[in-house]
Protein backbone atom coordinates (compact mmCIF):
# COMPACT_ATOMS: atom_id res chain seq x y z
CA MET A 1 105.56 91.60 90.04
CA ALA A 2 103.09 94.08 88.68
CA GLU A 3 103.71 97.80 88.76
CA VAL A 4 101.17 100.61 88.90
CA GLN A 5 101.82 104.25 88.13
CA GLU A 6 101.08 106.56 91.08
CA ASN A 7 101.68 110.25 90.45
CA VAL A 8 104.43 109.43 87.94
CA LYS A 9 105.95 107.01 90.46
CA LEU A 10 105.63 103.27 89.93
CA VAL A 11 104.38 101.17 92.82
CA ARG A 12 105.31 97.50 92.97
CA LEU A 13 102.25 95.45 93.91
CA GLN A 14 102.80 92.70 96.47
CA MET A 15 100.64 90.18 98.30
CA GLY A 16 99.29 91.63 101.55
CA MET A 17 99.59 95.22 100.36
CA THR A 18 96.76 97.60 101.26
CA LEU A 19 95.26 99.29 98.18
CA TYR A 20 92.35 101.57 97.31
CA ASP A 21 89.99 100.68 94.46
CA PRO A 22 88.22 103.85 93.23
CA THR A 23 85.73 101.84 91.15
CA GLU A 24 84.34 100.15 94.29
CA ASP A 25 85.35 103.03 96.61
CA ARG A 26 86.84 100.43 98.96
CA VAL A 27 90.18 99.64 100.52
CA GLY A 28 91.36 96.04 100.62
CA ILE A 29 94.34 93.78 101.01
CA VAL A 30 95.88 92.16 97.92
CA SER A 31 95.02 88.47 98.08
CA HIS A 32 95.98 87.47 94.51
CA LEU A 33 97.92 89.04 91.64
CA GLY A 34 96.41 87.97 88.35
CA GLU A 35 98.25 87.59 85.06
CA SER A 36 95.69 89.46 82.95
CA GLY A 37 95.96 92.92 84.50
CA LEU A 38 93.70 92.12 87.45
CA VAL A 39 94.34 92.09 91.17
CA GLU A 40 92.10 90.40 93.75
CA LEU A 41 91.41 92.43 96.90
CA GLN A 42 89.87 91.24 100.15
CA SER A 43 87.93 93.21 102.76
CA PRO A 44 88.22 92.66 106.54
CA TYR A 45 84.96 90.70 106.39
CA GLY A 46 86.39 88.28 103.85
CA SER A 47 84.54 89.45 100.75
CA LYS A 48 86.72 89.50 97.64
CA TRP A 49 86.56 91.51 94.45
CA THR A 50 88.79 92.05 91.45
CA ALA A 51 90.15 95.37 90.23
CA ARG A 52 92.28 96.46 87.33
CA LYS A 53 95.91 96.93 88.33
CA VAL A 54 96.08 100.29 86.56
CA ARG A 55 93.17 101.65 88.65
CA VAL A 56 94.29 100.77 92.18
CA ALA A 57 96.39 103.14 94.29
CA ARG A 58 97.82 103.45 97.74
CA PRO A 59 95.09 104.60 100.14
CA THR A 60 95.10 108.10 101.57
CA ASP A 61 95.36 108.62 105.33
CA ASP A 62 91.58 109.08 105.53
CA GLN A 63 90.95 105.86 103.59
CA MET A 64 93.39 103.99 105.86
CA ARG A 65 91.55 105.29 108.96
CA ARG A 66 88.27 104.08 107.47
CA TYR A 67 89.80 100.67 106.74
CA ALA A 68 91.29 100.43 110.25
CA ALA A 69 87.85 101.23 111.71
CA LEU A 70 86.33 98.37 109.68
CA VAL A 71 89.03 95.98 110.89
CA LYS A 72 88.38 97.02 114.50
CA LEU A 73 84.62 96.63 114.07
CA HIS A 74 85.06 93.18 112.52
CA ARG A 75 87.27 92.03 115.42
CA GLN A 76 84.78 93.33 117.98
CA THR A 77 81.89 91.63 116.20
CA ALA A 78 83.79 88.34 115.97
CA LYS A 79 84.69 88.52 119.67
CA TYR A 80 81.05 89.26 120.58
CA GLU A 81 79.77 86.36 118.45
CA ALA A 82 82.30 83.95 120.01
CA ALA A 83 81.27 85.00 123.53
CA ARG A 84 77.58 84.66 122.64
CA LYS A 85 78.12 81.13 121.30
CA ALA A 86 80.09 80.17 124.41
CA ARG A 87 77.18 81.22 126.64
CA GLN A 88 74.72 78.99 124.78
């Protein structure tokens, strides 16, 4: 498994882990650990992007709240769309 330095403490990256990418200013879930120093992250909406393992970090509390709000919004939108399709 890959390790990333976080304030002189190494963090072991794992699939499903929530990480912050400062380059994109986004929080995502690890969907793939690459061999060449890259990690693939996925947003709640399903979009994916790659980030360098040495740049990602654990999200702050504020970043986690922002991510949780996006997850909640995505679920509400999906529920609304499903109900709208059912009415048609």
